[in-house]
PDB file of N, CA and C in Angstrom:
ATOM      1  N   MET A   1       9.600  30.172 271.149  1.00  0.00           N
ATOM      2  CA  MET A   1      10.291  30.544 270.020  1.00  0.00           C
ATOM      3  C   MET A   1       9.447  29.716 268.821  1.00  0.00           C
ATOM      4  N   PRO A   2       9.230  30.270 267.813  1.00  0.00           N
ATOM      5  CA  PRO A   2       8.690  29.588 266.566  1.00  0.00           C
ATOM      6  C   PRO A   2       9.314  28.631 266.007  1.00  0.00           C
ATOM      7  N   PHE A   3       8.889  27.633 265.426  1.00  0.00           N
ATOM      8  CA  PHE A   3       9.662  26.562 264.577  1.00  0.00           C
ATOM      9  C   PHE A   3       9.954  27.247 263.158  1.00  0.00           C
ATOM     10  N   ARG A   4      11.404  27.173 262.903  1.00  0.00           N
ATOM     11  CA  ARG A   4      11.840  27.737 261.639  1.00  0.00           C
ATOM     12  C   ARG A   4      12.453  26.492 261.013  1.00  0.00           C
ATOM     13  N   PRO A   5      11.993  26.344 259.621  1.00  0.00           N
ATOM     14  CA  PRO A   5      12.506  25.095 259.022  1.00  0.00           C
ATOM     15  C   PRO A   5      14.043  25.522 258.469  1.00  0.00           C
ATOM     16  N   ALA A   6      14.766  24.539 258.300  1.00  0.00           N
ATOM     17  CA  ALA A   6      16.170  24.805 257.839  1.00  0.00           C
ATOM     18  C   ALA A   6      16.217  25.267 256.421  1.00  0.00           C
ATOM     19  N   PRO A   7      17.018  26.165 256.169  1.00  0.00           N
ATOM     20  CA  PRO A   7      17.077  26.527 254.622  1.00  0.00           C
ATOM     21  C   PRO A   7      17.223  25.488 253.765  1.00  0.00           C
ATOM     22  N   VAL A   8      16.523  25.474 252.455  1.00  0.00           N
ATOM     23  CA  VAL A   8      16.691  24.478 251.519  1.00  0.00           C
ATOM     24  C   VAL A   8      17.593  25.094 250.388  1.00  0.00           C
ATOM     25  N   LEU A   9      18.672  24.488 250.080  1.00  0.00           N
ATOM     26  CA  LEU A   9      19.383  25.075 248.790  1.00  0.00           C
ATOM     27  C   LEU A   9      18.802  24.322 247.542  1.00  0.00           C
ATOM     28  N   SER A  10      18.730  25.396 246.602  1.00  0.00           N
ATOM     29  CA  SER A  10      18.453  24.851 245.343  1.00  0.00           C
ATOM     30  C   SER A  10      19.306  23.759 244.664  1.00  0.00           C
ATOM     31  N   VAL A  11      18.765  22.895 243.769  1.00  0.00           N
ATOM     32  CA  VAL A  11      19.690  21.921 243.077  1.00  0.00           C
ATOM     33  C   VAL A  11      20.882  22.654 242.245  1.00  0.00           C
ATOM     34  N   PRO A  12      20.572  23.859 241.652  1.00  0.00           N
ATOM     35  CA  PRO A  12      21.786  24.467 240.913  1.00  0.00           C
ATOM     36  C   PRO A  12      22.691  25.062 241.830  1.00  0.00           C
ATOM     37  N   LEU A  13      22.302  25.678 242.941  1.00  0.00           N
ATOM     38  CA  LEU A  13      23.159  26.185 243.920  1.00  0.00           C
ATOM     39  C   LEU A  13      24.040  25.188 244.461  1.00  0.00           C
ATOM     40  N   LEU A  14      23.432  24.058 244.983  1.00  0.00           N
ATOM     41  CA  LEU A  14      24.213  22.913 245.684  1.00  0.00           C
ATOM     42  C   LEU A  14      25.047  22.326 244.651  1.00  0.00           C
ATOM     43  N   SER A  15      24.876  22.189 243.203  1.00  0.00           N
ATOM     44  CA  SER A  15      25.746  21.824 242.205  1.00  0.00           C
ATOM     45  C   SER A  15      26.976  22.638 242.094  1.00  0.00           C
ATOM     46  N   VAL A  16      26.755  23.921 242.222  1.00  0.00           N
ATOM     47  CA  VAL A  16      27.855  24.956 242.168  1.00  0.00           C
ATOM     48  C   VAL A  16      28.675  24.787 243.395  1.00  0.00           C
ATOM     49  N   LEU A  17      28.273  24.553 244.510  1.00  0.00           N
ATOM     50  CA  LEU A  17      29.051  24.395 245.783  1.00  0.00           C
ATOM     51  C   LEU A  17      29.863  23.197 245.745  1.00  0.00           C
ATOM     52  N   ILE A  18      29.219  22.198 245.180  1.00  0.00           N
ATOM     53  CA  ILE A  18      29.863  20.732 245.112  1.00  0.00           C
ATOM     54  C   ILE A  18      31.006  21.051 244.043  1.00  0.00           C
ATOM     55  N   LEU A  19      30.731  21.452 242.998  1.00  0.00           N
ATOM     56  CA  LEU A  19      31.890  21.568 241.888  1.00  0.00           C
ATOM     57  C   LEU A  19      33.159  22.554 242.466  1.00  0.00           C
ATOM     58  N   ALA A  20      32.730  23.603 243.177  1.00  0.00           N
ATOM     59  CA  ALA A  20      33.760  24.487 243.546  1.00  0.00           C
ATOM     60  C   ALA A  20      34.544  23.838 244.583  1.00  0.00           C
ATOM     61  N   GLY A  21      34.123  22.721 245.482  1.00  0.00           N
ATOM     62  CA  GLY A  21      34.969  22.011 246.485  1.00  0.00           C
ATOM     63  C   GLY A  21      35.963  21.233 245.711  1.00  0.00           C
ATOM     64  N   CYS A  22      35.305  20.559 244.509  1.00  0.00           N
ATOM     65  CA  CYS A  22      36.146  19.673 243.704  1.00  0.00           C
ATOM     66  C   CYS A  22      37.269  20.435 242.955  1.00  0.00           C
ATOM     67  N   ALA A  23      36.931  21.551 242.459  1.00  0.00           N
ATOM     68  CA  ALA A  23      37.971  22.382 241.731  1.00  0.00           C
ATOM     69  C   ALA A  23      39.087  22.922 242.642  1.00  0.00           C
ATOM     70  N   SER A  24      38.900  22.989 243.883  1.00  0.00           N
ATOM     71  CA  SER A  24      39.912  23.355 244.665  1.00  0.00           C
ATOM     72  C   SER A  24      41.107  22.436 245.105  1.00  0.00           C
ATOM     73  N   ALA A  25      40.719  21.268 244.765  1.00  0.00           N
ATOM     74  CA  ALA A  25      41.947  20.232 245.200  1.00  0.00           C
ATOM     75  C   ALA A  25      43.107  20.407 244.084  1.00  0.00           C
ATOM     76  N   PRO A  26      44.171  20.521 244.446  1.00  0.00           N
ATOM     77  CA  PRO A  26      45.242  20.799 243.607  1.00  0.00           C
ATOM     78  C   PRO A  26      45.725  19.472 242.832  1.00  0.00           C
ATOM     79  N   LYS A  27      45.963  19.798 241.456  1.00  0.00           N
ATOM     80  CA  LYS A  27      46.608  18.721 240.675  1.00  0.00           C
ATOM     81  C   LYS A  27      48.036  18.586 240.867  1.00  0.00           C
ATOM     82  N   VAL A  28      48.464  17.602 241.101  1.00  0.00           N
ATOM     83  CA  VAL A  28      50.188  17.508 241.342  1.00  0.00           C
ATOM     84  C   VAL A  28      50.769  16.621 240.211  1.00  0.00           C
ATOM     85  N   ALA A  29      51.762  17.092 239.368  1.00  0.00           N
ATOM     86  CA  ALA A  29      52.329  16.358 238.500  1.00  0.00           C
ATOM     87  C   ALA A  29      53.783  15.892 238.926  1.00  0.00           C
ATOM     88  N   LEU A  30      54.173  14.631 238.536  1.00  0.00           N
ATOM     89  CA  LEU A  30      55.562  14.195 238.896  1.00  0.00           C
ATOM     90  C   LEU A  30      56.498  14.721 237.671  1.00  0.00           C
ATOM     91  N   PRO A  31      57.665  14.894 238.056  1.00  0.00           N
ATOM     92  CA  PRO A  31      58.337  14.820 239.384  1.00  0.00           C
ATOM     93  C   PRO A  31      58.131  15.849 240.185  1.00  0.00           C
ATOM     94  N   VAL A  32      58.051  15.662 241.645  1.00  0.00           N
ATOM     95  CA  VAL A  32      57.907  16.675 242.444  1.00  0.00           C
ATOM     96  C   VAL A  32      59.226  16.938 243.291  1.00  0.00           C
ATOM     97  N   GLU A  33      59.725  18.187 243.393  1.00  0.00           N
ATOM     98  CA  GLU A  33      60.775  18.107 244.131  1.00  0.00           C
ATOM     99  C   GLU A  33      60.752  19.595 245.156  1.00  0.00           C
ATOM    100  N   ALA A  34      61.335  19.335 246.364  1.00  0.00           N
ATOM    101  CA  ALA A  34      61.142  20.345 247.239  1.00  0.00           C
ATOM    102  C   ALA A  34      62.131  20.277 248.184  1.00  0.00           C
ATOM    103  N   ARG A  35      62.511  21.431 248.962  1.00  0.00           N
ATOM    104  CA  ARG A  35      63.348  21.560 250.022  1.00  0.00           C
ATOM    105  C   ARG A  35      62.607  21.789 251.174  1.00  0.00           C
ATOM    106  N   LEU A  36      62.590  20.797 252.029  1.00  0.00           N
ATOM    107  CA  LEU A  36      61.674  20.772 253.396  1.00  0.00           C
ATOM    108  C   LEU A  36      62.640  20.795 254.657  1.00  0.00           C
ATOM    109  N   HIS A  37      61.862  21.526 255.496  1.00  0.00           N
ATOM    110  CA  HIS A  37      62.421  21.412 256.922  1.00  0.00           C
ATOM    111  C   HIS A  37      61.717  20.454 257.702  1.00  0.00           C
ATOM    112  N   PRO A  38      62.159  19.702 258.824  1.00  0.00           N
ATOM    113  CA  PRO A  38      61.348  18.880 259.777  1.00  0.00           C
ATOM    114  C   PRO A  38      59.951  19.382 259.996  1.00  0.00           C
ATOM    115  N   GLY A  39      59.083  18.647 259.712  1.00  0.00           N
ATOM    116  CA  GLY A  39      57.627  18.872 260.013  1.00  0.00           C
ATOM    117  C   GLY A  39      56.902  19.345 258.647  1.00  0.00           C
ATOM    118  N   GLN A  40      57.660  19.665 257.615  1.00  0.00           N
ATOM    119  CA  GLN A  40      57.033  20.130 256.424  1.00  0.00           C
ATOM    120  C   GLN A  40      56.712  18.882 255.542  1.00  0.00           C
ATOM    121  N   ARG A  41      55.764  19.057 254.510  1.00  0.00           N
ATOM    122  CA  ARG A  41      55.301  18.169 253.622  1.00  0.00           C
ATOM    123  C   ARG A  41      55.377  18.545 252.192  1.00  0.00           C
ATOM    124  N   MET A  42      55.285  17.526 251.245  1.00  0.00           N
ATOM    125  CA  MET A  42      55.014  17.791 249.983  1.00  0.00           C
ATOM    126  C   MET A  42      53.842  17.041 249.568  1.00  0.00           C
ATOM    127  N   SER A  43      52.932  17.581 248.532  1.00  0.00           N
ATOM    128  CA  SER A  43      51.818  17.003 248.151  1.00  0.00           C
ATOM    129  C   SER A  43      52.233  16.037 247.002  1.00  0.00           C
ATOM    130  N   LEU A  44      51.518  15.104 246.652  1.00  0.00           N
ATOM    131  CA  LEU A  44      51.746  14.114 245.713  1.00  0.00           C
ATOM    132  C   LEU A  44      50.461  13.780 245.002  1.00  0.00           C
ATOM    133  N   PRO A  45      50.576  13.166 243.894  1.00  0.00           N
ATOM    134  CA  PRO A  45      49.295  12.751 243.020  1.00  0.00           C
ATOM    135  C   PRO A  45      48.364  11.722 244.043  1.00  0.00           C
ATOM    136  N   GLU A  46      47.080  11.779 243.654  1.00  0.00           N
ATOM    137  CA  GLU A  46      46.184  10.731 244.108  1.00  0.00           C
ATOM    138  C   GLU A  46      45.968  11.230 245.793  1.00  0.00           C
ATOM    139  N   GLY A  47      46.007  12.484 246.063  1.00  0.00           N
ATOM    140  CA  GLY A  47      45.815  12.865 247.459  1.00  0.00           C
ATOM    141  C   GLY A  47      46.810  12.415 248.521  1.00  0.00           C
ATOM    142  N   ALA A  48      48.021  11.787 248.050  1.00  0.00           N
ATOM    143  CA  ALA A  48      49.058  11.417 248.897  1.00  0.00           C
ATOM    144  C   ALA A  48      50.047  12.596 249.333  1.00  0.00           C
ATOM    145  N   ARG A  49      50.795  12.423 250.311  1.00  0.00           N
ATOM    146  CA  ARG A  49      51.751  13.276 250.771  1.00  0.00           C
ATOM    147  C   ARG A  49      52.963  12.707 251.445  1.00  0.00           C
ATOM    148  N   LEU A  50      53.993  13.400 251.522  1.00  0.00           N
ATOM    149  CA  LEU A  50      55.258  12.944 251.921  1.00  0.00           C
ATOM    150  C   LEU A  50      55.719  13.916 253.099  1.00  0.00           C
ATOM    151  N   VAL A  51      55.893  13.523 254.351  1.00  0.00           N
ATOM    152  CA  VAL A  51      56.242  14.450 255.497  1.00  0.00           C
ATOM    153  C   VAL A  51      57.699  14.109 255.828  1.00  0.00           C
ATOM    154  N   TYR A  52      58.319  15.196 255.894  1.00  0.00           N
ATOM    155  CA  TYR A  52      59.619  15.017 256.376  1.00  0.00           C
ATOM    156  C   TYR A  52      59.724  15.221 258.040  1.00  0.00           C
ATOM    157  N   VAL A  53      59.894  14.020 258.687  1.00  0.00           N
ATOM    158  CA  VAL A  53      59.693  14.063 260.128  1.00  0.00           C
ATOM    159  C   VAL A  53      60.909  14.532 260.944  1.00  0.00           C
ATOM    160  N   GLU A  54      62.046  14.073 260.561  1.00  0.00           N
ATOM    161  CA  GLU A  54      63.241  14.443 261.283  1.00  0.00           C
ATOM    162  C   GLU A  54      64.465  13.830 260.527  1.00  0.00           C
ATOM    163  N   THR A  55      65.587  14.287 261.206  1.00  0.00           N
ATOM    164  CA  THR A  55      67.027  13.596 260.860  1.00  0.00           C
ATOM    165  C   THR A  55      67.439  13.061 262.192  1.00  0.00           C
ATOM    166  N   ALA A  56      67.837  11.842 262.130  1.00  0.00           N
ATOM    167  CA  ALA A  56      68.300  11.185 263.314  1.00  0.00           C
ATOM    168  C   ALA A  56      69.610  10.539 263.104  1.00  0.00           C
ATOM    169  N   ASN A  57      70.158  10.213 264.194  1.00  0.00           N
ATOM    170  CA  ASN A  57      71.670   9.561 264.133  1.00  0.00           C
ATOM    171  C   ASN A  57      72.598  10.348 263.417  1.00  0.00           C
ATOM    172  N   ASP A  58      72.592  11.531 263.214  1.00  0.00           N
ATOM    173  CA  ASP A  58      73.340  12.166 262.420  1.00  0.00           C
ATOM    174  C   ASP A  58      74.861  12.423 262.937  1.00  0.00           C
ATOM    175  N   SER A  59      75.678  11.788 262.300  1.00  0.00           N
ATOM    176  CA  SER A  59      77.135  11.462 262.551  1.00  0.00           C
ATOM    177  C   SER A  59      77.936  12.143 261.434  1.00  0.00           C
ATOM    178  N   ARG A  60      77.490  13.028 260.687  1.00  0.00           N
ATOM    179  CA  ARG A  60      78.138  13.694 259.609  1.00  0.00           C
ATOM    180  C   ARG A  60      78.981  14.725 260.288  1.00  0.00           C
ATOM    181  N   CYS A  61      80.114  14.814 259.437  1.00  0.00           N
ATOM    182  CA  CYS A  61      81.091  15.774 259.762  1.00  0.00           C
ATOM    183  C   CYS A  61      80.746  17.109 259.703  1.00  0.00           C
ATOM    184  N   PRO A  62      80.951  17.930 260.706  1.00  0.00           N
ATOM    185  CA  PRO A  62      80.395  19.313 260.568  1.00  0.00           C
ATOM    186  C   PRO A  62      81.002  20.141 259.414  1.00  0.00           C
ATOM    187  N   PRO A  63      80.397  21.143 258.919  1.00  0.00           N
ATOM    188  CA  PRO A  63      81.039  22.034 257.774  1.00  0.00           C
ATOM    189  C   PRO A  63      82.315  22.608 258.244  1.00  0.00           C
ATOM    190  N   GLU A  64      83.293  22.666 257.426  1.00  0.00           N
ATOM    191  CA  GLU A  64      84.567  23.268 257.724  1.00  0.00           C
ATOM    192  C   GLU A  64      85.440  22.666 258.744  1.00  0.00           C
ATOM    193  N   VAL A  65      85.207  21.313 258.778  1.00  0.00           N
ATOM    194  CA  VAL A  65      85.941  20.433 259.705  1.00  0.00           C
ATOM    195  C   VAL A  65      86.535  19.294 259.033  1.00  0.00           C
ATOM    196  N   THR A  66      87.864  18.993 259.060  1.00  0.00           N
ATOM    197  CA  THR A  66      88.369  17.687 258.335  1.00  0.00           C
ATOM    198  C   THR A  66      88.119  16.571 259.311  1.00  0.00           C
ATOM    199  N   CYS A  67      87.383  15.575 258.640  1.00  0.00           N
ATOM    200  CA  CYS A  67      87.037  14.339 259.573  1.00  0.00           C
ATOM    201  C   CYS A  67      87.665  13.234 258.777  1.00  0.00           C
ATOM    202  N   VAL A  68      88.150  12.112 259.452  1.00  0.00           N
ATOM    203  CA  VAL A  68      88.609  10.949 258.833  1.00  0.00           C
ATOM    204  C   VAL A  68      87.519  10.078 258.239  1.00  0.00           C
ATOM    205  N   HIS A  69      86.281  10.096 259.034  1.00  0.00           N
ATOM    206  CA  HIS A  69      85.074   9.264 258.633  1.00  0.00           C
ATOM    207  C   HIS A  69      83.901  10.446 258.317  1.00  0.00           C
ATOM    208  N   ALA A  70      83.193  10.409 257.057  1.00  0.00           N
ATOM    209  CA  ALA A  70      82.357  11.186 256.736  1.00  0.00           C
ATOM    210  C   ALA A  70      81.042  11.069 257.466  1.00  0.00           C
ATOM    211  N   GLY A  71      80.665   9.859 258.084  1.00  0.00           N
ATOM    212  CA  GLY A  71      79.533   9.774 258.819  1.00  0.00           C
ATOM    213  C   GLY A  71      78.310   9.649 258.014  1.00  0.00           C
ATOM    214  N   ASP A  72      77.055   9.541 258.716  1.00  0.00           N
ATOM    215  CA  ASP A  72      75.887   9.276 258.116  1.00  0.00           C
ATOM    216  C   ASP A  72      74.831   9.953 258.924  1.00  0.00           C
ATOM    217  N   ALA A  73      73.532   9.987 258.369  1.00  0.00           N
ATOM    218  CA  ALA A  73      72.269  10.403 258.921  1.00  0.00           C
ATOM    219  C   ALA A  73      71.155   9.674 258.467  1.00  0.00           C
ATOM    220  N   ASP A  74      70.110   9.476 259.341  1.00  0.00           N
ATOM    221  CA  ASP A  74      68.902   8.743 258.869  1.00  0.00           C
ATOM    222  C   ASP A  74      67.852  10.137 258.601  1.00  0.00           C
ATOM    223  N   VAL A  75      67.343  10.069 257.438  1.00  0.00           N
ATOM    224  CA  VAL A  75      66.299  11.029 257.055  1.00  0.00           C
ATOM    225  C   VAL A  75      64.976  10.407 257.235  1.00  0.00           C
ATOM    226  N   ARG A  76      64.040  10.751 258.015  1.00  0.00           N
ATOM    227  CA  ARG A  76      62.853   9.949 258.556  1.00  0.00           C
ATOM    228  C   ARG A  76      61.714  10.689 257.786  1.00  0.00           C
ATOM    229  N   LEU A  77      61.056   9.827 256.923  1.00  0.00           N
ATOM    230  CA  LEU A  77      59.893  10.402 256.253  1.00  0.00           C
ATOM    231  C   LEU A  77      58.605   9.596 256.628  1.00  0.00           C
ATOM    232  N   ARG A  78      57.557  10.091 256.509  1.00  0.00           N
ATOM    233  CA  ARG A  78      56.187   9.467 256.487  1.00  0.00           C
ATOM    234  C   ARG A  78      55.382   9.664 255.364  1.00  0.00           C
ATOM    235  N   PHE A  79      54.989   8.707 254.741  1.00  0.00           N
ATOM    236  CA  PHE A  79      54.315   8.671 253.478  1.00  0.00           C
ATOM    237  C   PHE A  79      52.760   8.314 253.851  1.00  0.00           C
ATOM    238  N   HIS A  80      51.935   9.290 253.411  1.00  0.00           N
ATOM    239  CA  HIS A  80      50.582   9.265 253.599  1.00  0.00           C
ATOM    240  C   HIS A  80      49.732   8.969 252.360  1.00  0.00           C
ATOM    241  N   LYS A  81      48.845   8.074 252.225  1.00  0.00           N
ATOM    242  CA  LYS A  81      47.894   8.148 251.193  1.00  0.00           C
ATOM    243  C   LYS A  81      46.674   7.791 251.697  1.00  0.00           C
ATOM    244  N   PRO A  82      45.456   7.989 251.045  1.00  0.00           N
ATOM    245  CA  PRO A  82      44.215   7.591 251.584  1.00  0.00           C
ATOM    246  C   PRO A  82      44.165   6.241 252.088  1.00  0.00           C
ATOM    247  N   GLY A  83      44.044   5.843 253.198  1.00  0.00           N
ATOM    248  CA  GLY A  83      43.822   4.641 253.821  1.00  0.00           C
ATOM    249  C   GLY A  83      45.161   3.930 254.191  1.00  0.00           C
ATOM    250  N   ALA A  84      46.195   4.679 254.056  1.00  0.00           N
ATOM    251  CA  ALA A  84      47.522   3.920 254.388  1.00  0.00           C
ATOM    252  C   ALA A  84      48.584   5.045 254.928  1.00  0.00           C
ATOM    253  N   MET A  85      49.571   4.418 255.690  1.00  0.00           N
ATOM    254  CA  MET A  85      50.686   5.376 256.224  1.00  0.00           C
ATOM    255  C   MET A  85      51.882   4.409 256.365  1.00  0.00           C
ATOM    256  N   LEU A  86      52.978   5.006 255.816  1.00  0.00           N
ATOM    257  CA  LEU A  86      54.239   4.274 255.829  1.00  0.00           C
ATOM    258  C   LEU A  86      55.374   5.067 256.315  1.00  0.00           C
ATOM    259  N   ASP A  87      56.155   4.494 257.242  1.00  0.00           N
ATOM    260  CA  ASP A  87      57.436   5.239 257.497  1.00  0.00           C
ATOM    261  C   ASP A  87      58.578   4.746 256.794  1.00  0.00           C
ATOM    262  N   VAL A  88      59.406   5.775 256.362  1.00  0.00           N
ATOM    263  CA  VAL A  88      60.455   5.382 255.532  1.00  0.00           C
ATOM    264  C   VAL A  88      61.715   6.214 256.049  1.00  0.00           C
ATOM    265  N   VAL A  89      63.026   5.487 256.046  1.00  0.00           N
ATOM    266  CA  VAL A  89      64.247   5.963 256.294  1.00  0.00           C
ATOM    267  C   VAL A  89      65.151   6.039 255.037  1.00  0.00           C
ATOM    268  N   LEU A  90      65.470   7.177 254.737  1.00  0.00           N
ATOM    269  CA  LEU A  90      66.550   7.354 253.498  1.00  0.00           C
ATOM    270  C   LEU A  90      67.956   7.617 254.490  1.00  0.00           C
ATOM    271  N   LYS A  91      69.121   7.122 253.947  1.00  0.00           N
ATOM    272  CA  LYS A  91      70.367   7.326 254.407  1.00  0.00           C
ATOM    273  C   LYS A  91      71.056   8.424 253.696  1.00  0.00           C
ATOM    274  N   ALA A  92      71.707   9.533 254.233  1.00  0.00           N
ATOM    275  CA  ALA A  92      72.470  10.630 253.815  1.00  0.00           C
ATOM    276  C   ALA A  92      73.533   9.992 252.876  1.00  0.00           C
ATOM    277  N   SER A  93      74.075   8.963 253.279  1.00  0.00           N
ATOM    278  CA  SER A  93      75.089   8.331 252.400  1.00  0.00           C
ATOM    279  C   SER A  93      74.476   7.713 251.096  1.00  0.00           C
ATOM    280  N   GLU A  94      73.418   7.691 250.964  1.00  0.00           N
ATOM    281  CA  GLU A  94      72.678   7.290 249.812  1.00  0.00           C
ATOM    282  C   GLU A  94      72.176   8.301 248.891  1.00  0.00           C
ATOM    283  N   GLN A  95      72.548   9.633 249.047  1.00  0.00           N
ATOM    284  CA  GLN A  95      71.971  10.711 248.343  1.00  0.00           C
ATOM    285  C   GLN A  95      72.084  10.040 246.943  1.00  0.00           C
ATOM    286  N   GLY A  96      70.927  10.596 246.151  1.00  0.00           N
ATOM    287  CA  GLY A  96      70.784  10.450 244.539  1.00  0.00           C
ATOM    288  C   GLY A  96      70.355   9.156 244.236  1.00  0.00           C
ATOM    289  N   THR A  97      70.226   8.105 245.340  1.00  0.00           N
ATOM    290  CA  THR A  97      69.811   6.690 245.008  1.00  0.00           C
ATOM    291  C   THR A  97      68.269   6.684 245.191  1.00  0.00           C
ATOM    292  N   PRO A  98      67.448   6.477 243.937  1.00  0.00           N
ATOM    293  CA  PRO A  98      66.029   6.467 244.409  1.00  0.00           C
ATOM    294  C   PRO A  98      65.565   5.190 245.068  1.00  0.00           C
ATOM    295  N   ARG A  99      64.583   5.442 245.978  1.00  0.00           N
ATOM    296  CA  ARG A  99      63.926   4.417 246.812  1.00  0.00           C
ATOM    297  C   ARG A  99      62.569   4.234 246.414  1.00  0.00           C
ATOM    298  N   PRO A 100      62.142   2.870 246.042  1.00  0.00           N
ATOM    299  CA  PRO A 100      60.758   2.686 245.739  1.00  0.00           C
ATOM    300  C   PRO A 100      59.755   2.660 246.980  1.00  0.00           C
ATOM    301  N   ILE A 101      58.822   3.561 246.638  1.00  0.00           N
ATOM    302  CA  ILE A 101      57.627   3.512 247.637  1.00  0.00           C
ATOM    303  C   ILE A 101      56.432   3.445 246.931  1.00  0.00           C
ATOM    304  N   GLY A 102      55.831   2.307 246.862  1.00  0.00           N
ATOM    305  CA  GLY A 102      54.430   2.032 246.157  1.00  0.00           C
ATOM    306  C   GLY A 102      54.695   2.486 244.690  1.00  0.00           C
ATOM    307  N   ALA A 103      53.909   3.546 244.154  1.00  0.00           N
ATOM    308  CA  ALA A 103      53.936   3.724 242.772  1.00  0.00           C
ATOM    309  C   ALA A 103      55.053   4.748 242.271  1.00  0.00           C
ATOM    310  N   TRP A 104      55.885   5.213 243.338  1.00  0.00           N
ATOM    311  CA  TRP A 104      56.729   6.394 243.277  1.00  0.00           C
ATOM    312  C   TRP A 104      58.228   5.856 243.696  1.00  0.00           C
ATOM    313  N   HIS A 105      59.154   6.823 243.131  1.00  0.00           N
ATOM    314  CA  HIS A 105      60.372   6.583 243.833  1.00  0.00           C
ATOM    315  C   HIS A 105      60.741   7.919 244.538  1.00  0.00           C
ATOM    316  N   VAL A 106      61.403   7.859 245.773  1.00  0.00           N
ATOM    317  CA  VAL A 106      61.874   8.960 246.506  1.00  0.00           C
ATOM    318  C   VAL A 106      63.219   9.016 246.495  1.00  0.00           C
ATOM    319  N   THR A 107      63.905  10.252 246.240  1.00  0.00           N
ATOM    320  CA  THR A 107      65.363  10.389 246.204  1.00  0.00           C
ATOM    321  C   THR A 107      65.662  11.548 247.045  1.00  0.00           C
ATOM    322  N   LEU A 108      66.650  11.273 247.971  1.00  0.00           N
ATOM    323  CA  LEU A 108      67.257  12.181 248.822  1.00  0.00           C
ATOM    324  C   LEU A 108      68.294  12.893 247.842  1.00  0.00           C
ATOM    325  N   LEU A 109      68.100  14.257 247.635  1.00  0.00           N
ATOM    326  CA  LEU A 109      69.133  14.787 246.669  1.00  0.00           C
ATOM    327  C   LEU A 109      70.100  15.828 247.571  1.00  0.00           C
ATOM    328  N   GLY A 110      69.899  16.077 248.777  1.00  0.00           N
ATOM    329  CA  GLY A 110      70.758  16.887 249.644  1.00  0.00           C
ATOM    330  C   GLY A 110      70.232  16.912 251.024  1.00  0.00           C
ATOM    331  N   LEU A 111      71.100  16.986 251.930  1.00  0.00           N
ATOM    332  CA  LEU A 111      70.841  17.207 253.291  1.00  0.00           C
ATOM    333  C   LEU A 111      71.735  18.341 253.981  1.00  0.00           C
ATOM    334  N   GLY A 112      71.085  19.381 254.360  1.00  0.00           N
ATOM    335  CA  GLY A 112      72.055  20.442 254.862  1.00  0.00           C
ATOM    336  C   GLY A 112      72.609  20.279 256.419  1.00  0.00           C
ATOM    337  N   PRO A 113      73.384  21.155 256.727  1.00  0.00           N
ATOM    338  CA  PRO A 113      74.046  20.965 258.058  1.00  0.00           C
ATOM    339  C   PRO A 113      73.202  21.434 259.148  1.00  0.00           C
ATOM    340  N   GLY A 114      73.544  21.051 260.379  1.00  0.00           N
ATOM    341  CA  GLY A 114      72.829  21.687 261.491  1.00  0.00           C
ATOM    342  C   GLY A 114      71.960  20.548 262.348  1.00  0.00           C
ATOM    343  N   PRO A 115      71.415  20.965 263.445  1.00  0.00           N
ATOM    344  CA  PRO A 115      70.586  20.179 264.252  1.00  0.00           C
ATOM    345  C   PRO A 115      69.193  19.816 263.563  1.00  0.00           C
ATOM    346  N   ARG A 116      68.596  20.599 262.893  1.00  0.00           N
ATOM    347  CA  ARG A 116      67.271  20.453 262.085  1.00  0.00           C
ATOM    348  C   ARG A 116      67.524  20.695 260.727  1.00  0.00           C
ATOM    349  N   PRO A 117      68.296  19.934 259.944  1.00  0.00           N
ATOM    350  CA  PRO A 117      68.784  20.324 258.689  1.00  0.00           C
ATOM    351  C   PRO A 117      67.562  20.161 257.579  1.00  0.00           C
ATOM    352  N   PRO A 118      67.669  21.069 256.608  1.00  0.00           N
ATOM    353  CA  PRO A 118      66.538  20.876 255.496  1.00  0.00           C
ATOM    354  C   PRO A 118      67.022  19.773 254.681  1.00  0.00           C
ATOM    355  N   ALA A 119      66.041  19.109 254.026  1.00  0.00           N
ATOM    356  CA  ALA A 119      66.472  18.132 253.192  1.00  0.00           C
ATOM    357  C   ALA A 119      65.644  18.411 251.782  1.00  0.00           C
ATOM    358  N   THR A 120      66.390  18.237 250.561  1.00  0.00           N
ATOM    359  CA  THR A 120      65.972  18.358 249.399  1.00  0.00           C
ATOM    360  C   THR A 120      65.365  17.026 248.796  1.00  0.00           C
ATOM    361  N   LEU A 121      64.253  16.861 248.640  1.00  0.00           N
ATOM    362  CA  LEU A 121      63.636  15.497 248.038  1.00  0.00           C
ATOM    363  C   LEU A 121      63.164  15.574 246.626  1.00  0.00           C
ATOM    364  N   ARG A 122      63.086  14.615 245.992  1.00  0.00           N
ATOM    365  CA  ARG A 122      62.354  14.427 244.640  1.00  0.00           C
ATOM    366  C   ARG A 122      61.518  13.076 244.503  1.00  0.00           C
ATOM    367  N   VAL A 123      60.435  13.304 244.198  1.00  0.00           N
ATOM    368  CA  VAL A 123      59.548  12.088 244.026  1.00  0.00           C
ATOM    369  C   VAL A 123      59.257  12.024 242.394  1.00  0.00           C
ATOM    370  N   ASP A 124      59.644  10.784 241.853  1.00  0.00           N
ATOM    371  CA  ASP A 124      59.281  10.403 240.472  1.00  0.00           C
ATOM    372  C   ASP A 124      58.333   9.384 240.431  1.00  0.00           C
ATOM    373  N   GLY A 125      57.719   9.016 239.324  1.00  0.00           N
ATOM    374  CA  GLY A 125      56.843   7.924 239.020  1.00  0.00           C
ATOM    375  C   GLY A 125      58.019   6.764 239.007  1.00  0.00           C
ATOM    376  N   ALA A 126      57.268   5.464 239.432  1.00  0.00           N
ATOM    377  CA  ALA A 126      58.143   4.413 239.562  1.00  0.00           C
ATOM    378  C   ALA A 126      58.756   3.853 238.077  1.00  0.00           C
ATOM    379  N   ASP A 127      58.009   4.470 237.065  1.00  0.00           N
ATOM    380  CA  ASP A 127      58.386   3.917 235.755  1.00  0.00           C
ATOM    381  C   ASP A 127      59.559   4.648 235.300  1.00  0.00           C
ATOM    382  N   ARG A 128      60.194   5.610 236.030  1.00  0.00           N
ATOM    383  CA  ARG A 128      61.307   6.402 235.671  1.00  0.00           C
ATOM    384  C   ARG A 128      62.669   5.752 235.938  1.00  0.00           C
TER     385      ARG A 128
END
């Protein structure tokens, strides 16, 4: 089999390919609000993301049932940013209370019913 040199890209073509890759990175502006199901994530500025891992220890009163105690639930999140990862737990009983995480505040706005409930989350800048 004869030797074939690898194709050489011209500088202008290489520049276009590099710029096209940069242009595809989404720009994310705060605040970011999303209704997520376990396993879903939201993109944040600076290449960070917030993943809704699961809801655990859910002792909340089921819908259409009268309970003496309202109960609570742990909403487990995982915050990723380049070079770092942090596990965070928000309490259902503290809905509406912002929780500082680095340069941002994460707020649990709502938690649906059921064994794998959707969570509505908002992320704002820490200066808000």
